[in-house]
Protein backbone atom coordinates (compact mmCIF):
# COMPACT_ATOMS: atom_id res chain seq x y z
CA UNK A 1 -48.84 27.24 -19.09
CA UNK A 2 -51.24 27.15 -15.98
CA UNK A 3 -50.84 25.59 -12.90
CA UNK A 4 -54.04 24.81 -11.11
CA UNK A 5 -54.03 25.76 -7.30
CA UNK A 6 -55.13 22.80 -5.13
CA UNK A 7 -54.67 24.71 -1.77
CA UNK A 8 -58.53 25.12 -1.61
CA UNK A 9 -59.33 21.63 -2.37
CA UNK A 10 -61.81 20.18 0.47
CA UNK A 11 -61.35 16.82 2.11
CA UNK A 12 -64.33 14.76 2.46
CA UNK A 13 -65.09 13.76 5.89
CA UNK A 14 -66.45 10.37 7.13
CA UNK A 15 -70.08 11.61 7.14
CA UNK A 16 -69.82 12.67 3.67
CA UNK A 17 -68.66 9.26 2.62
CA UNK A 18 -71.40 7.60 4.40
CA UNK A 19 -73.96 9.65 2.70
CA UNK A 20 -72.68 9.30 -0.78
CA UNK A 21 -71.89 5.55 -0.66
CA UNK A 22 -73.80 2.44 0.08
CA UNK A 23 -73.57 0.45 3.42
CA UNK A 24 -71.48 -2.40 1.42
CA UNK A 25 -68.96 0.61 -0.29
CA UNK A 26 -68.74 2.13 3.26
CA UNK A 27 -67.62 -1.25 4.78
CA UNK A 28 -65.25 -2.00 2.08
CA UNK A 29 -63.68 1.56 2.63
CA UNK A 30 -63.65 1.17 6.29
CA UNK A 31 -61.90 -2.23 6.14
CA UNK A 32 -59.32 -0.59 3.97
CA UNK A 33 -58.46 2.45 6.25
CA UNK A 34 -58.43 -0.05 9.39
CA UNK A 35 -55.83 -2.35 7.05
CA UNK A 36 -53.77 0.55 6.59
CA UNK A 37 -53.66 1.83 10.09
CA UNK A 38 -52.66 -1.74 11.15
CA UNK A 39 -49.95 -1.98 8.90
CA UNK A 40 -48.64 1.31 9.95
CA UNK A 41 -48.75 0.05 13.56
CA UNK A 42 -46.67 -2.92 12.52
CA UNK A 43 -44.06 -1.02 10.90
CA UNK A 44 -44.04 1.20 14.13
CA UNK A 45 -43.40 -2.03 15.97
CA UNK A 46 -40.69 -3.29 13.70
CA UNK A 47 -38.73 -0.11 13.61
CA UNK A 48 -38.88 0.02 17.39
CA UNK A 49 -37.83 -3.56 17.98
CA UNK A 50 -34.83 -2.99 15.35
CA UNK A 51 -33.95 0.36 17.38
CA UNK A 52 -33.63 -1.55 20.54
CA UNK A 53 -31.61 -4.47 19.14
CA UNK A 54 -29.14 -2.13 17.55
CA UNK A 55 -28.96 0.15 20.59
CA UNK A 56 -27.81 -2.87 22.45
CA UNK A 57 -24.80 -3.56 20.42
CA UNK A 58 -21.30 -2.04 21.83
CA UNK A 59 -17.90 -2.09 20.80
CA UNK A 60 -16.12 -5.32 22.34
CA UNK A 61 -12.33 -4.73 23.21
CA UNK A 62 -10.91 -7.90 24.62
CA UNK A 63 -8.86 -7.55 27.64
CA UNK A 64 -5.31 -7.97 27.21
CA UNK A 65 -2.27 -8.29 29.30
CA UNK A 66 -0.49 -6.16 26.82
CA UNK A 67 1.22 -2.54 28.05
CA UNK A 68 -1.02 0.00 26.63
CA UNK A 69 2.05 1.21 24.77
CA UNK A 70 4.67 -0.96 23.15
CA UNK A 71 7.97 -0.44 21.62
CA UNK A 72 8.08 -1.12 18.21
CA UNK A 73 11.46 -1.68 16.44
CA UNK A 74 11.94 -1.63 12.58
CA UNK A 75 15.49 -2.43 12.03
CA UNK A 76 17.48 -4.03 9.16
CA UNK A 77 21.43 -4.09 8.17
CA UNK A 78 23.16 -5.85 5.32
CA UNK A 79 26.61 -6.05 3.99
CA UNK A 80 25.95 -3.23 1.68
CA UNK A 81 27.98 0.08 1.72
CA UNK A 82 24.62 2.23 2.37
CA UNK A 83 22.79 4.01 5.33
CA UNK A 84 20.47 1.60 6.98
CA UNK A 85 17.31 3.38 9.10
CA UNK A 86 16.29 2.11 12.57
CA UNK A 87 12.58 3.11 13.20
CA UNK A 88 11.21 3.35 16.86
CA UNK A 89 7.83 3.91 17.57
CA UNK A 90 5.13 2.98 20.21
CA UNK A 91 2.10 1.45 19.28
CA UNK A 92 -1.46 2.89 20.61
CA UNK A 93 -3.68 0.85 22.84
CA UNK A 94 -5.57 -1.79 21.45
CA UNK A 95 -9.12 -0.26 21.90
CA UNK A 96 -7.91 3.07 20.94
CA UNK A 97 -9.60 4.25 17.71
CA UNK A 98 -7.43 5.76 15.38
CA UNK A 99 -6.45 6.01 11.78
CA UNK A 100 -4.12 3.24 10.56
CA UNK A 101 -1.47 5.84 9.49
CA UNK A 102 -1.39 6.99 12.95
CA UNK A 103 -1.46 3.73 14.76
CA UNK A 104 2.21 3.72 15.35
CA UNK A 105 3.56 6.95 17.07
CA UNK A 106 7.34 7.57 16.46
CA UNK A 107 9.36 8.26 19.58
CA UNK A 108 12.58 10.69 20.15
CA UNK A 109 15.44 11.03 22.04
CA UNK A 110 16.63 7.37 22.39
CA UNK A 111 20.25 6.03 22.41
CA UNK A 112 21.01 3.67 19.81
CA UNK A 113 24.21 1.35 19.12
CA UNK A 114 24.94 -1.46 16.98
CA UNK A 115 27.69 -3.79 18.49
CA UNK A 116 29.78 -7.00 16.98
CA UNK A 117 31.39 -9.71 18.42
CA UNK A 118 34.84 -7.98 17.78
CA UNK A 119 33.64 -5.45 20.75
CA UNK A 120 33.06 -2.74 18.14
CA UNK A 121 30.14 -0.27 18.96
CA UNK A 122 28.52 1.94 16.20
CA UNK A 123 26.63 4.84 17.34
CA UNK A 124 23.23 5.33 15.26
CA UNK A 125 22.02 9.03 15.21
CA UNK A 126 18.75 10.19 15.09
CA UNK A 127 17.88 11.95 11.89
CA UNK A 128 15.67 14.98 11.16
CA UNK A 129 12.79 12.77 11.04
CA UNK A 130 11.19 11.83 14.45
CA UNK A 131 11.74 8.30 15.46
CA UNK A 132 14.20 7.56 12.55
CA UNK A 133 17.97 6.75 13.51
CA UNK A 134 20.30 6.49 10.66
CA UNK A 135 23.73 4.81 10.54
CA UNK A 136 26.63 6.56 8.73
CA UNK A 137 27.87 4.10 5.72
CA UNK A 138 31.49 5.60 6.44
CA UNK A 139 31.55 4.39 9.70
CA UNK A 140 29.61 1.05 9.44
CA UNK A 141 29.29 -1.83 6.99
CA UNK A 142 28.29 -5.25 8.32
CA UNK A 143 30.49 -7.91 7.47
CA UNK A 144 29.51 -11.53 6.60
CA UNK A 145 30.34 -14.07 9.27
CA UNK A 146 30.19 -11.34 11.92
CA UNK A 147 27.44 -11.31 14.93
CA UNK A 148 25.60 -8.22 15.48
CA UNK A 149 23.66 -6.94 18.31
CA UNK A 150 21.02 -4.02 18.56
CA UNK A 151 21.21 -2.09 21.74
CA UNK A 152 18.41 0.69 22.74
CA UNK A 153 18.06 2.67 25.68
CA UNK A 154 15.31 4.89 26.63
CA UNK A 155 16.89 6.84 29.60
CA UNK A 156 16.79 10.22 27.87
CA UNK A 157 13.49 9.53 25.80
CA UNK A 158 10.27 8.76 25.91
CA UNK A 159 8.93 5.73 27.99
CA UNK A 160 11.00 5.59 31.23
CA UNK A 161 14.28 4.37 32.07
CA UNK A 162 14.52 0.93 30.24
CA UNK A 163 17.27 -0.44 27.97
CA UNK A 164 16.28 -2.93 25.15
CA UNK A 165 18.63 -5.33 23.03
CA UNK A 166 18.15 -7.83 20.38
CA UNK A 167 19.59 -11.31 20.47
CA UNK A 168 23.03 -11.93 18.55
CA UNK A 169 22.46 -12.31 14.98
CA UNK A 170 24.88 -13.64 12.64
CA UNK A 171 25.24 -12.12 9.00
CA UNK A 172 24.82 -15.19 6.77
CA UNK A 173 25.97 -15.19 3.08
CA UNK A 174 23.39 -14.96 0.19
CA UNK A 175 24.05 -16.59 -3.21
CA UNK A 176 23.44 -14.28 -6.32
CA UNK A 177 20.28 -14.35 -8.08
CA UNK A 178 21.14 -16.54 -11.38
CA UNK A 179 18.25 -15.14 -13.33
CA UNK A 180 15.57 -12.79 -13.70
CA UNK A 181 12.88 -12.76 -16.25
CA UNK A 182 9.59 -12.36 -17.21
CA UNK A 183 6.73 -14.39 -18.88
CA UNK A 184 3.49 -13.31 -20.46
CA UNK A 185 0.23 -14.39 -18.68
CA UNK A 186 -3.24 -14.48 -20.56
CA UNK A 187 -5.97 -12.96 -18.35
CA UNK A 188 -8.63 -12.97 -20.70
CA UNK A 189 -8.96 -14.66 -24.07
CA UNK A 190 -9.82 -12.81 -27.17
CA UNK A 191 -13.74 -13.25 -27.97
CA UNK A 192 -16.23 -11.80 -30.71
CA UNK A 193 -16.91 -8.62 -28.62
CA UNK A 194 -13.42 -8.04 -26.85
CA UNK A 195 -9.89 -8.21 -27.51
CA UNK A 196 -7.40 -10.57 -25.36
CA UNK A 197 -5.74 -9.23 -22.30
CA UNK A 198 -2.34 -9.89 -21.17
CA UNK A 199 -0.21 -9.43 -17.62
CA UNK A 200 2.90 -10.33 -16.84
CA UNK A 201 4.81 -12.53 -14.21
CA UNK A 202 8.40 -11.63 -12.92
CA UNK A 203 10.41 -14.83 -12.06
CA UNK A 204 13.88 -15.66 -10.55
CA UNK A 205 15.95 -18.56 -10.07
CA UNK A 206 18.72 -18.65 -7.52
CA UNK A 207 20.90 -21.62 -5.85
CA UNK A 208 23.35 -22.05 -3.22
CA UNK A 209 25.54 -24.85 -3.83
CA UNK A 210 26.93 -24.76 -0.27
CA UNK A 211 23.74 -25.39 1.14
CA UNK A 212 24.19 -22.57 3.85
CA UNK A 213 21.47 -20.45 2.73
CA UNK A 214 18.10 -22.32 2.91
CA UNK A 215 15.88 -19.47 3.96
CA UNK A 216 15.21 -16.41 1.58
CA UNK A 217 13.25 -12.95 1.64
CA UNK A 218 12.64 -10.72 -1.33
CA UNK A 219 11.53 -7.29 -1.82
CA UNK A 220 11.61 -4.96 -4.78
CA UNK A 221 11.42 -1.35 -6.29
CA UNK A 222 9.47 -1.09 -9.48
CA UNK A 223 10.07 1.85 -12.06
CA UNK A 224 8.15 2.68 -15.33
CA UNK A 225 8.01 5.09 -18.00
CA UNK A 226 4.72 6.60 -19.26
CA UNK A 227 3.90 9.25 -21.95
CA UNK A 228 1.00 11.37 -22.41
CA UNK A 229 -1.22 11.28 -25.80
CA UNK A 230 0.00 15.03 -26.63
CA UNK A 231 3.22 16.46 -27.83
CA UNK A 232 3.52 18.65 -25.09
CA UNK A 233 6.57 19.92 -22.97
CA UNK A 234 6.08 17.44 -19.91
CA UNK A 235 5.05 14.56 -22.16
CA UNK A 236 7.49 11.54 -20.61
CA UNK A 237 7.54 10.80 -16.86
CA UNK A 238 8.52 8.02 -14.48
CA UNK A 239 6.97 6.54 -11.31
CA UNK A 240 8.49 4.46 -8.78
CA UNK A 241 7.13 2.20 -6.24
CA UNK A 242 8.45 -0.12 -3.66
CA UNK A 243 6.98 -3.41 -2.63
CA UNK A 244 4.45 -3.89 0.39
CA UNK A 245 3.91 -7.48 0.35
CA UNK A 246 5.90 -10.35 2.22
CA UNK A 247 7.91 -12.29 -0.38
CA UNK A 248 9.75 -15.33 1.28
CA UNK A 249 10.84 -18.83 0.46
CA UNK A 250 12.22 -21.98 2.18
CA UNK A 251 14.37 -24.73 0.61
CA UNK A 252 15.06 -26.66 4.06
CA UNK A 253 12.87 -29.65 3.27
CA UNK A 254 14.67 -30.07 -0.16
CA UNK A 255 17.51 -32.02 -1.03
CA UNK A 256 19.48 -28.71 -2.56
CA UNK A 257 19.01 -25.03 -1.55
CA UNK A 258 17.73 -24.37 -5.23
CA UNK A 259 14.97 -21.95 -6.16
CA UNK A 260 13.60 -22.23 -9.75
CA UNK A 261 10.76 -20.21 -11.42
CA UNK A 262 9.72 -18.40 -8.16
CA UNK A 263 7.03 -15.87 -8.91
CA UNK A 264 8.41 -12.36 -7.51
CA UNK A 265 5.98 -9.97 -8.93
CA UNK A 266 2.40 -10.06 -11.12
CA UNK A 267 2.03 -7.22 -13.10
CA UNK A 268 -1.72 -6.50 -14.22
CA UNK A 269 -2.88 -5.21 -17.65
CA UNK A 270 -5.11 -2.61 -15.45
CA UNK A 271 -1.89 -0.27 -14.93
CA UNK A 272 0.01 1.55 -17.44
CA UNK A 273 3.30 -0.10 -16.32
CA UNK A 274 3.63 -2.19 -19.40
CA UNK A 275 2.66 0.48 -21.82
CA UNK A 276 6.17 1.87 -22.46
CA UNK A 277 8.77 0.66 -20.67
CA UNK A 278 9.09 -0.98 -17.26
CA UNK A 279 12.29 -1.96 -14.83
CA UNK A 280 12.12 -3.88 -11.57
CA UNK A 281 14.96 -4.07 -9.18
CA UNK A 282 14.84 -7.32 -6.91
CA UNK A 283 16.68 -7.66 -4.02
CA UNK A 284 17.61 -11.12 -2.39
CA UNK A 285 18.20 -11.64 1.51
CA UNK A 286 19.38 -14.63 3.66
CA UNK A 287 17.48 -15.38 6.79
CA UNK A 288 17.96 -17.82 9.50
CA UNK A 289 15.23 -20.01 10.70
CA UNK A 290 13.80 -17.83 13.50
CA UNK A 291 13.73 -15.12 11.37
CA UNK A 292 11.89 -17.00 8.58
CA UNK A 293 9.44 -18.11 11.00
CA UNK A 294 8.78 -14.40 11.99
CA UNK A 295 8.01 -13.49 8.49
CA UNK A 296 6.00 -16.23 7.87
CA UNK A 297 3.94 -15.53 10.66
CA UNK A 298 3.43 -11.83 9.43
CA UNK A 299 2.74 -13.24 6.03
CA UNK A 300 -0.07 -15.15 7.32
CA UNK A 301 -1.47 -12.01 9.09
CA UNK A 302 -1.23 -9.85 6.10
CA UNK A 303 -3.14 -12.49 4.20
CA UNK A 304 -6.02 -12.87 6.52
CA UNK A 305 -9.14 -10.76 6.32
CA UNK A 306 -8.76 -10.00 9.99
CA UNK A 307 -11.32 -11.09 12.78
CA UNK A 308 -11.91 -11.43 16.44
CA UNK A 309 -10.31 -14.80 16.40
CA UNK A 310 -7.41 -14.14 13.80
CA UNK A 311 -3.87 -14.05 15.04
CA UNK A 312 -2.89 -10.49 16.24
CA UNK A 313 0.83 -9.20 15.84
CA UNK A 314 1.18 -8.72 19.36
CA UNK A 315 1.60 -12.62 19.84
CA UNK A 316 4.29 -12.85 17.22
CA UNK A 317 7.67 -13.06 19.06
CA UNK A 318 10.49 -11.07 17.84
CA UNK A 319 14.27 -10.92 18.64
CA UNK A 320 14.26 -8.15 20.97
CA UNK A 321 13.61 -7.81 24.63
CA UNK A 322 13.60 -5.80 27.57
CA UNK A 323 16.82 -5.81 29.64
CA UNK A 324 15.08 -4.90 32.83
CA UNK A 325 11.81 -6.76 32.55
CA UNK A 326 12.06 -9.50 30.01
CA UNK A 327 8.31 -9.78 30.26
CA UNK A 328 7.77 -6.54 29.01
CA UNK A 329 6.78 -7.11 25.44
CA UNK A 330 8.78 -5.41 22.46
CA UNK A 331 7.30 -5.71 18.66
CA UNK A 332 9.68 -5.69 15.71
CA UNK A 333 12.62 -7.68 14.52
CA UNK A 334 16.48 -6.69 13.94
CA UNK A 335 17.09 -8.23 10.74
CA UNK A 336 20.75 -9.00 9.67
CA UNK A 337 21.43 -10.40 6.23
CA UNK A 338 23.74 -10.52 3.19
CA UNK A 339 22.17 -8.61 0.25
CA UNK A 340 22.28 -9.17 -3.53
CA UNK A 341 20.30 -7.44 -6.44
CA UNK A 342 19.21 -8.10 -9.85
CA UNK A 343 17.37 -5.42 -12.51
CA UNK A 344 15.23 -6.47 -15.14
CA UNK A 345 13.62 -4.27 -18.06
CA UNK A 346 10.56 -5.20 -19.91
CA UNK A 347 9.88 -3.18 -23.13
CA UNK A 348 7.39 -6.00 -24.99
CA UNK A 349 3.97 -5.57 -26.24
CA UNK A 350 1.12 -6.73 -24.08
CA UNK A 351 -2.46 -6.94 -25.25
CA UNK A 352 -5.38 -5.25 -23.64
CA UNK A 353 -3.16 -2.90 -21.25
CA UNK A 354 -5.46 -0.22 -20.16
CA UNK A 355 -5.32 3.41 -21.68
CA UNK A 356 -5.65 5.63 -18.53
CA UNK A 357 -5.95 8.69 -21.12
CA UNK A 358 -9.03 7.36 -23.02
CA UNK A 359 -11.18 9.92 -21.52
CA UNK A 360 -8.90 12.82 -22.75
CA UNK A 361 -10.70 14.78 -25.09
CA UNK A 362 -9.44 18.30 -26.23
CA UNK A 363 -11.81 21.17 -26.35
CA UNK A 364 -11.33 24.44 -28.21
CA UNK A 365 -12.29 27.86 -26.49
CA UNK A 366 -12.84 30.98 -28.61
CA UNK A 367 -12.12 34.35 -26.57
CA UNK A 368 -10.37 37.64 -26.46
CA UNK A 369 -6.55 38.00 -26.28
CA UNK A 370 -6.64 36.96 -22.70
CA UNK A 371 -8.78 34.26 -21.06
CA UNK A 372 -8.39 34.78 -16.92
CA UNK A 373 -7.56 31.89 -14.70
CA UNK A 374 -7.80 29.72 -17.53
CA UNK A 375 -5.02 27.36 -15.78
CA UNK A 376 -7.04 26.75 -12.94
CA UNK A 377 -9.46 24.82 -15.05
CA UNK A 378 -7.76 23.48 -18.15
CA UNK A 379 -4.29 23.39 -19.69
CA UNK A 380 -3.41 25.07 -22.87
CA UNK A 381 -2.08 22.78 -25.43
CA UNK A 382 -2.00 25.21 -28.70
CA UNK A 383 -2.56 28.78 -29.24
CA UNK A 384 -3.43 30.18 -32.53
CA UNK A 385 -3.15 33.74 -32.52
CA UNK A 386 -4.48 36.08 -35.11
CA UNK A 387 -4.36 39.83 -36.01
CA UNK A 388 -7.98 40.08 -34.71
CA UNK A 389 -10.06 38.31 -32.14
CA UNK A 390 -11.47 35.68 -31.44
CA UNK A 391 -8.36 33.79 -30.62
CA UNK A 392 -8.57 29.94 -30.77
CA UNK A 393 -7.38 27.86 -27.75
CA UNK A 394 -6.90 24.24 -27.70
CA UNK A 395 -7.18 23.05 -24.12
CA UNK A 396 -7.29 19.87 -22.02
CA UNK A 397 -7.24 18.92 -18.09
CA UNK A 398 -3.86 19.11 -16.57
CA UNK A 399 -3.95 15.16 -15.75
CA UNK A 400 -3.90 14.91 -19.72
CA UNK A 401 -1.32 17.37 -20.62
CA UNK A 402 1.19 17.43 -17.84
CA UNK A 403 2.81 14.01 -16.77
CA UNK A 404 4.18 15.52 -13.73
CA UNK A 405 0.79 15.33 -12.06
CA UNK A 406 1.32 11.45 -11.56
CA UNK A 407 5.28 10.98 -11.78
CA UNK A 408 8.43 13.03 -12.30
CA UNK A 409 10.10 14.24 -15.50
CA UNK A 410 13.52 13.44 -14.12
CA UNK A 411 14.91 10.30 -15.49
CA UNK A 412 16.21 7.98 -12.67
CA UNK A 413 20.13 7.73 -12.71
CA UNK A 414 20.06 4.07 -13.17
CA UNK A 415 17.36 4.18 -16.27
CA UNK A 416 18.55 2.48 -19.28
CA UNK A 417 16.44 2.86 -23.00
CA UNK A 418 16.22 -0.43 -25.03
CA UNK A 419 19.33 0.47 -27.21
CA UNK A 420 21.70 1.65 -23.97
CA UNK A 421 20.48 -1.86 -22.43
CA UNK A 422 21.68 -3.65 -25.55
CA UNK A 423 25.01 -2.02 -25.58
CA UNK A 424 26.04 -2.82 -22.11
């Protein structure tokens, strides 16, 4: 194959063109050249205007009366015999450009107490995790009917000599979850070219005959079992995940404190949660009206896209204030609630659940007795050794051959298989 060189090609000048073409053709060519030059000029003008306009755009940071750093408190206690975490942090200034994960800066060295209306004081010790203070379950357990106050002192910590405390919070009782159940949801009907797809809704029923509890909040922890398509050692694993959305309900406008068919969780068919076996633990909390209002406003924020005129978290009043300077804003809430829980297992067939391992395709490698650094690229599924090479090695990506890449091989303590659940 030959490649012709074009480096010696001569470019005709305007005089040459004039000699070779008639006046009519020359005028046509000249017009074309002029048009092309004018088009280039217009393009340059448009680009210049765009650059000037874009150069005039600057970031807008609204002026606020907030302190550059605000104390943020995340605290909740219940009537359960368990350790409770109180997290203290400082918010970054509004105009500060930081990652969402670093928006809150944990603070250390604070003195934290919880007191009740019987003049009992419980010291909350700081844990090994900076900014996280943990109660001792052997010394503290909240009691229904009592009133609790959170007290925070920053004298020995960061942020100057200030003390903070919450409003007194009464621990209200909460009724049990009467029923926790699920229902299939048709996501896409069967067609000539595709199968039907189904998801799952988890519902609950609860009722307080006394009418004392009219404001509810729920959260959940979900765990599901999954299996790999190969009979390897690490074939079965479990994954756990906690809720990250706000789930609340008020019965204050109803004639009775009853919640029926309330959707707690939707499980999509785009995950493998429903592939083998799934479990969800739902926790139910009792709220007073002020705390319900706090969570409702936070819920509105989380559901908004976010913009200049949207409500900001700093405008949501909590129940914690600065003792020395009540005008000094504090973010967060000290939640005091009774708690009840219910677990549900789902072991059913759902149509159209995604197969996360559909792209797993085994491959066979032939080589000597040793294939150096094989595990850095592939995972050995099977070795067939013969007296003489080549040796056959069936391989696969580690994601497809080791379930611990996604989950844990340790079965959770609470986990029951279907036959064990039926025996209880």
